[in-house]
Amino acid sequence: MSTQNNGSMWSQAALKGLLLALVTVACNTVTYLVPGNGFVSILMFLVRTAASIWLLVSFMKQYHAATGQNPFNFGLAVVLFSSFICAFYDAAALAWIFPGLMDQVNEAMAQSMSMFPSSQQGILDNMMEHYPRIAFFSTLIKDFLFGLIVAAIANSSYKSKSPFDGDSQEDELA
């Protein structure tokens, strides 16, 4: 693959990753704006998951149709960009965009901290201070691994059209 094609693949992956991330950002924003509504949270989770899988598979299919190449690396690049954008959005939502979210998280942690001994509450307080950073890395890893699994499953449906695959005309005629 030439450098120009590789650069084009990365720029396409960045654009597709942005589109994929916008689905998650939109669904998460709706969830953040309607706190405490379990039905909306579940509905947005299902919409986000289904739309993300459908978009990633569609992007991989388009890439394969356009280039004839195995779309796994392209799908992985899309997932990498999308995961980074989603992780940044989650951390920004906790830290700046929706400051009430941090209050909700702190309240939930305060309720659960009552079960811990007082010696461990300092550790949990320190963790809550760094929660947006923790959310960034946990979202990045979680979204990337989920995308990796979806890309691997979607990629299994593509076969390379190589004359060295062992398929001969005799096999096709039989």
C-alpha atoms as a PDB file:
ATOM      1  CA  MET A   1       0.000   0.000   0.000  1.00  0.00           C
ATOM      2  CA  SER A   2       1.467   3.356  -0.958  1.00  0.00           C
ATOM      3  CA  THR A   3       1.950   6.214   1.468  1.00  0.00           C
ATOM      4  CA  GLN A   4      -0.739   8.265  -0.286  1.00  0.00           C
ATOM      5  CA  ASN A   5      -3.278   5.439   0.035  1.00  0.00           C
ATOM      6  CA  ASN A   6      -2.288   4.930   3.672  1.00  0.00           C
ATOM      7  CA  GLY A   7      -2.755   8.636   4.377  1.00  0.00           C
ATOM      8  CA  SER A   8      -6.096   8.563   2.610  1.00  0.00           C
ATOM      9  CA  MET A   9      -7.158   5.567   4.699  1.00  0.00           C
ATOM     10  CA  TRP A  10      -6.277   7.432   7.912  1.00  0.00           C
ATOM     11  CA  SER A  11      -8.114  10.592   6.861  1.00  0.00           C
ATOM     12  CA  GLN A  12     -11.176   8.545   5.876  1.00  0.00           C
ATOM     13  CA  ALA A  13     -10.961   6.677   9.179  1.00  0.00           C
ATOM     14  CA  ALA A  14     -10.757   9.949  11.104  1.00  0.00           C
ATOM     15  CA  LEU A  15     -13.879  11.276   9.377  1.00  0.00           C
ATOM     16  CA  LYS A  16     -15.786   8.016   9.861  1.00  0.00           C
ATOM     17  CA  GLY A  17     -14.600   7.868  13.481  1.00  0.00           C
ATOM     18  CA  LEU A  18     -15.992  11.346  14.044  1.00  0.00           C
ATOM     19  CA  LEU A  19     -19.349  10.303  12.585  1.00  0.00           C
ATOM     20  CA  LEU A  20     -19.384   7.171  14.715  1.00  0.00           C
ATOM     21  CA  ALA A  21     -18.524   9.187  17.818  1.00  0.00           C
ATOM     22  CA  LEU A  22     -21.326  11.666  17.117  1.00  0.00           C
ATOM     23  CA  VAL A  23     -23.853   8.865  17.615  1.00  0.00           C
ATOM     24  CA  THR A  24     -22.464   8.115  21.058  1.00  0.00           C
ATOM     25  CA  VAL A  25     -22.137  11.794  21.965  1.00  0.00           C
ATOM     26  CA  ALA A  26     -25.756  12.468  20.958  1.00  0.00           C
ATOM     27  CA  CYS A  27     -27.110   9.481  22.902  1.00  0.00           C
ATOM     28  CA  ASN A  28     -24.992  10.278  25.964  1.00  0.00           C
ATOM     29  CA  THR A  29     -26.107  13.912  25.865  1.00  0.00           C
ATOM     30  CA  VAL A  30     -29.765  12.861  25.893  1.00  0.00           C
ATOM     31  CA  THR A  31     -29.024  10.550  28.821  1.00  0.00           C
ATOM     32  CA  TYR A  32     -27.215  13.338  30.700  1.00  0.00           C
ATOM     33  CA  LEU A  33     -30.047  15.819  30.071  1.00  0.00           C
ATOM     34  CA  VAL A  34     -32.697  13.421  31.437  1.00  0.00           C
ATOM     35  CA  PRO A  35     -31.055  12.148  34.635  1.00  0.00           C
ATOM     36  CA  GLY A  36     -32.700   9.502  36.717  1.00  0.00           C
ATOM     37  CA  ASN A  37     -34.983   8.212  33.958  1.00  0.00           C
ATOM     38  CA  GLY A  38     -34.130   4.532  33.610  1.00  0.00           C
ATOM     39  CA  PHE A  39     -36.253   4.036  30.503  1.00  0.00           C
ATOM     40  CA  VAL A  40     -34.480   6.836  28.622  1.00  0.00           C
ATOM     41  CA  SER A  41     -31.084   5.528  29.724  1.00  0.00           C
ATOM     42  CA  ILE A  42     -31.841   2.011  28.530  1.00  0.00           C
ATOM     43  CA  LEU A  43     -33.353   3.256  25.283  1.00  0.00           C
ATOM     44  CA  MET A  44     -30.335   5.471  24.558  1.00  0.00           C
ATOM     45  CA  PHE A  45     -27.982   2.597  25.373  1.00  0.00           C
ATOM     46  CA  LEU A  46     -29.790   0.331  22.915  1.00  0.00           C
ATOM     47  CA  VAL A  47     -29.941   3.011  20.212  1.00  0.00           C
ATOM     48  CA  ARG A  48     -26.266   3.886  20.711  1.00  0.00           C
ATOM     49  CA  THR A  49     -25.165   0.262  20.585  1.00  0.00           C
ATOM     50  CA  ALA A  50     -27.242  -0.707  17.552  1.00  0.00           C
ATOM     51  CA  ALA A  51     -26.392   2.452  15.607  1.00  0.00           C
ATOM     52  CA  SER A  52     -22.687   2.144  16.392  1.00  0.00           C
ATOM     53  CA  ILE A  53     -22.525  -1.469  15.258  1.00  0.00           C
ATOM     54  CA  TRP A  54     -24.496  -0.705  12.104  1.00  0.00           C
ATOM     55  CA  LEU A  55     -22.338   2.321  11.249  1.00  0.00           C
ATOM     56  CA  LEU A  56     -19.043   0.529  11.828  1.00  0.00           C
ATOM     57  CA  VAL A  57     -20.083  -2.446   9.718  1.00  0.00           C
ATOM     58  CA  SER A  58     -21.346  -0.073   7.005  1.00  0.00           C
ATOM     59  CA  PHE A  59     -18.085   1.881   6.996  1.00  0.00           C
ATOM     60  CA  MET A  60     -16.075  -1.324   6.746  1.00  0.00           C
ATOM     61  CA  LYS A  61     -18.300  -2.571   3.918  1.00  0.00           C
ATOM     62  CA  GLN A  62     -17.887   0.726   2.022  1.00  0.00           C
ATOM     63  CA  TYR A  63     -14.124   0.604   2.457  1.00  0.00           C
ATOM     64  CA  HIS A  64     -13.961  -2.980   1.231  1.00  0.00           C
ATOM     65  CA  ALA A  65     -16.143  -2.166  -1.793  1.00  0.00           C
ATOM     66  CA  ALA A  66     -14.033   0.886  -2.666  1.00  0.00           C
ATOM     67  CA  THR A  67     -10.585  -0.651  -2.215  1.00  0.00           C
ATOM     68  CA  GLY A  68     -11.055  -4.417  -2.312  1.00  0.00           C
ATOM     69  CA  GLN A  69      -8.773  -4.629   0.708  1.00  0.00           C
ATOM     70  CA  ASN A  70      -9.388  -6.331   4.006  1.00  0.00           C
ATOM     71  CA  PRO A  71     -11.351  -3.732   6.018  1.00  0.00           C
ATOM     72  CA  PHE A  72     -10.185  -4.783   9.475  1.00  0.00           C
ATOM     73  CA  ASN A  73      -7.358  -2.232   9.729  1.00  0.00           C
ATOM     74  CA  PHE A  74      -9.692   0.493   8.491  1.00  0.00           C
ATOM     75  CA  GLY A  75     -12.339  -0.530  11.031  1.00  0.00           C
ATOM     76  CA  LEU A  76      -9.723  -0.526  13.770  1.00  0.00           C
ATOM     77  CA  ALA A  77      -8.603   2.988  12.815  1.00  0.00           C
ATOM     78  CA  VAL A  78     -12.239   4.188  12.829  1.00  0.00           C
ATOM     79  CA  VAL A  79     -12.728   2.658  16.270  1.00  0.00           C
ATOM     80  CA  LEU A  80      -9.533   4.267  17.574  1.00  0.00           C
ATOM     81  CA  PHE A  81     -10.599   7.759  16.509  1.00  0.00           C
ATOM     82  CA  SER A  82     -14.162   7.265  17.698  1.00  0.00           C
ATOM     83  CA  SER A  83     -13.057   5.902  21.070  1.00  0.00           C
ATOM     84  CA  PHE A  84     -10.760   8.850  21.654  1.00  0.00           C
ATOM     85  CA  ILE A  85     -13.497  11.381  20.830  1.00  0.00           C
ATOM     86  CA  CYS A  86     -16.056   9.584  23.027  1.00  0.00           C
ATOM     87  CA  ALA A  87     -13.598   9.334  25.918  1.00  0.00           C
ATOM     88  CA  PHE A  88     -12.776  13.029  25.681  1.00  0.00           C
ATOM     89  CA  TYR A  89     -16.478  13.901  25.582  1.00  0.00           C
ATOM     90  CA  ASP A  90     -17.251  11.789  28.664  1.00  0.00           C
ATOM     91  CA  ALA A  91     -14.411  13.380  30.626  1.00  0.00           C
ATOM     92  CA  ALA A  92     -15.418  16.874  29.463  1.00  0.00           C
ATOM     93  CA  ALA A  93     -19.062  16.188  30.309  1.00  0.00           C
ATOM     94  CA  LEU A  94     -18.099  15.247  33.845  1.00  0.00           C
ATOM     95  CA  ALA A  95     -15.641  18.077  34.346  1.00  0.00           C
ATOM     96  CA  TRP A  96     -17.142  21.050  32.480  1.00  0.00           C
ATOM     97  CA  ILE A  97     -20.209  20.502  30.276  1.00  0.00           C
ATOM     98  CA  PHE A  98     -22.579  18.958  32.826  1.00  0.00           C
ATOM     99  CA  PRO A  99     -21.174  19.793  36.272  1.00  0.00           C
ATOM    100  CA  GLY A 100     -24.303  18.306  37.849  1.00  0.00           C
ATOM    101  CA  LEU A 101     -23.103  14.884  36.705  1.00  0.00           C
ATOM    102  CA  MET A 102     -20.126  15.064  39.037  1.00  0.00           C
ATOM    103  CA  ASP A 103     -22.479  15.972  41.871  1.00  0.00           C
ATOM    104  CA  GLN A 104     -24.562  12.880  41.104  1.00  0.00           C
ATOM    105  CA  VAL A 105     -21.459  10.705  40.973  1.00  0.00           C
ATOM    106  CA  ASN A 106     -20.188  12.207  44.243  1.00  0.00           C
ATOM    107  CA  GLU A 107     -23.569  11.612  45.887  1.00  0.00           C
ATOM    108  CA  ALA A 108     -23.644   7.988  44.741  1.00  0.00           C
ATOM    109  CA  MET A 109     -20.079   7.496  45.946  1.00  0.00           C
ATOM    110  CA  ALA A 110     -20.896   9.107  49.312  1.00  0.00           C
ATOM    111  CA  GLN A 111     -23.727   6.632  49.787  1.00  0.00           C
ATOM    112  CA  SER A 112     -21.510   3.698  48.904  1.00  0.00           C
ATOM    113  CA  MET A 113     -18.606   5.030  50.984  1.00  0.00           C
ATOM    114  CA  SER A 114     -20.624   4.592  54.143  1.00  0.00           C
ATOM    115  CA  MET A 115     -19.961   0.850  53.790  1.00  0.00           C
ATOM    116  CA  PHE A 116     -16.166   1.344  53.796  1.00  0.00           C
ATOM    117  CA  PRO A 117     -14.010   1.864  56.859  1.00  0.00           C
ATOM    118  CA  SER A 118     -12.916   5.455  57.492  1.00  0.00           C
ATOM    119  CA  SER A 119      -9.303   4.585  56.583  1.00  0.00           C
ATOM    120  CA  GLN A 120     -10.355   3.827  52.994  1.00  0.00           C
ATOM    121  CA  GLN A 121     -12.592   6.862  52.573  1.00  0.00           C
ATOM    122  CA  GLY A 122      -9.559   9.067  51.943  1.00  0.00           C
ATOM    123  CA  ILE A 123      -8.582   6.858  49.049  1.00  0.00           C
ATOM    124  CA  LEU A 124     -12.082   7.089  47.600  1.00  0.00           C
ATOM    125  CA  ASP A 125     -12.093  10.880  48.046  1.00  0.00           C
ATOM    126  CA  ASN A 126      -8.815  11.087  46.141  1.00  0.00           C
ATOM    127  CA  MET A 127     -10.256   8.873  43.412  1.00  0.00           C
ATOM    128  CA  MET A 128     -13.303  11.126  43.060  1.00  0.00           C
ATOM    129  CA  GLU A 129     -11.010  14.121  42.624  1.00  0.00           C
ATOM    130  CA  HIS A 130      -9.511  12.420  39.566  1.00  0.00           C
ATOM    131  CA  TYR A 131     -12.744  10.864  38.309  1.00  0.00           C
ATOM    132  CA  PRO A 132     -12.873  12.695  34.940  1.00  0.00           C
ATOM    133  CA  ARG A 133      -9.423  11.309  34.087  1.00  0.00           C
ATOM    134  CA  ILE A 134     -10.454   7.851  35.223  1.00  0.00           C
ATOM    135  CA  ALA A 135     -13.605   8.155  33.099  1.00  0.00           C
ATOM    136  CA  PHE A 136     -11.487   9.186  30.085  1.00  0.00           C
ATOM    137  CA  PHE A 137      -9.239   6.131  30.216  1.00  0.00           C
ATOM    138  CA  SER A 138     -11.978   3.668  31.133  1.00  0.00           C
ATOM    139  CA  THR A 139     -14.196   4.916  28.277  1.00  0.00           C
ATOM    140  CA  LEU A 140     -11.277   4.838  25.852  1.00  0.00           C
ATOM    141  CA  ILE A 141     -10.427   1.238  26.729  1.00  0.00           C
ATOM    142  CA  LYS A 142     -14.047   0.047  26.908  1.00  0.00           C
ATOM    143  CA  ASP A 143     -15.084   1.615  23.595  1.00  0.00           C
ATOM    144  CA  PHE A 144     -11.923   0.488  21.823  1.00  0.00           C
ATOM    145  CA  LEU A 145     -12.311  -3.116  22.979  1.00  0.00           C
ATOM    146  CA  PHE A 146     -15.997  -3.161  22.010  1.00  0.00           C
ATOM    147  CA  GLY A 147     -15.146  -1.730  18.583  1.00  0.00           C
ATOM    148  CA  LEU A 148     -12.303  -4.214  18.182  1.00  0.00           C
ATOM    149  CA  ILE A 149     -14.682  -7.108  18.797  1.00  0.00           C
ATOM    150  CA  VAL A 150     -17.304  -5.711  16.392  1.00  0.00           C
ATOM    151  CA  ALA A 151     -14.657  -5.051  13.727  1.00  0.00           C
ATOM    152  CA  ALA A 152     -13.244  -8.565  14.106  1.00  0.00           C
ATOM    153  CA  ILE A 153     -16.682 -10.135  13.795  1.00  0.00           C
ATOM    154  CA  ALA A 154     -17.578  -7.955  10.808  1.00  0.00           C
ATOM    155  CA  ASN A 155     -14.219  -8.690   9.204  1.00  0.00           C
ATOM    156  CA  SER A 156     -14.815 -12.430   9.380  1.00  0.00           C
ATOM    157  CA  SER A 157     -17.415 -12.063   6.631  1.00  0.00           C
ATOM    158  CA  TYR A 158     -14.820 -10.760   4.151  1.00  0.00           C
ATOM    159  CA  LYS A 159     -12.572 -13.105   2.265  1.00  0.00           C
ATOM    160  CA  SER A 160      -9.610 -11.979   0.270  1.00  0.00           C
ATOM    161  CA  LYS A 161      -9.830 -12.755  -3.421  1.00  0.00           C
ATOM    162  CA  SER A 162      -6.358 -14.167  -3.715  1.00  0.00           C
ATOM    163  CA  PRO A 163      -5.477 -16.847  -6.272  1.00  0.00           C
ATOM    164  CA  PHE A 164      -3.371 -18.478  -3.550  1.00  0.00           C
ATOM    165  CA  ASP A 165      -6.300 -19.249  -1.243  1.00  0.00           C
ATOM    166  CA  GLY A 166      -6.329 -22.837  -2.392  1.00  0.00           C
ATOM    167  CA  ASP A 167      -9.560 -22.559  -4.365  1.00  0.00           C
ATOM    168  CA  SER A 168      -9.174 -23.890  -7.848  1.00  0.00           C
ATOM    169  CA  GLN A 169     -11.548 -24.027 -10.757  1.00  0.00           C
ATOM    170  CA  GLU A 170     -11.925 -27.743 -10.185  1.00  0.00           C
ATOM    171  CA  ASP A 171     -13.300 -27.042  -6.715  1.00  0.00           C
ATOM    172  CA  GLU A 172     -15.726 -24.469  -8.104  1.00  0.00           C
ATOM    173  CA  LEU A 173     -16.995 -26.904 -10.761  1.00  0.00           C
ATOM    174  CA  ALA A 174     -17.493 -29.760  -8.335  1.00  0.00           C
END
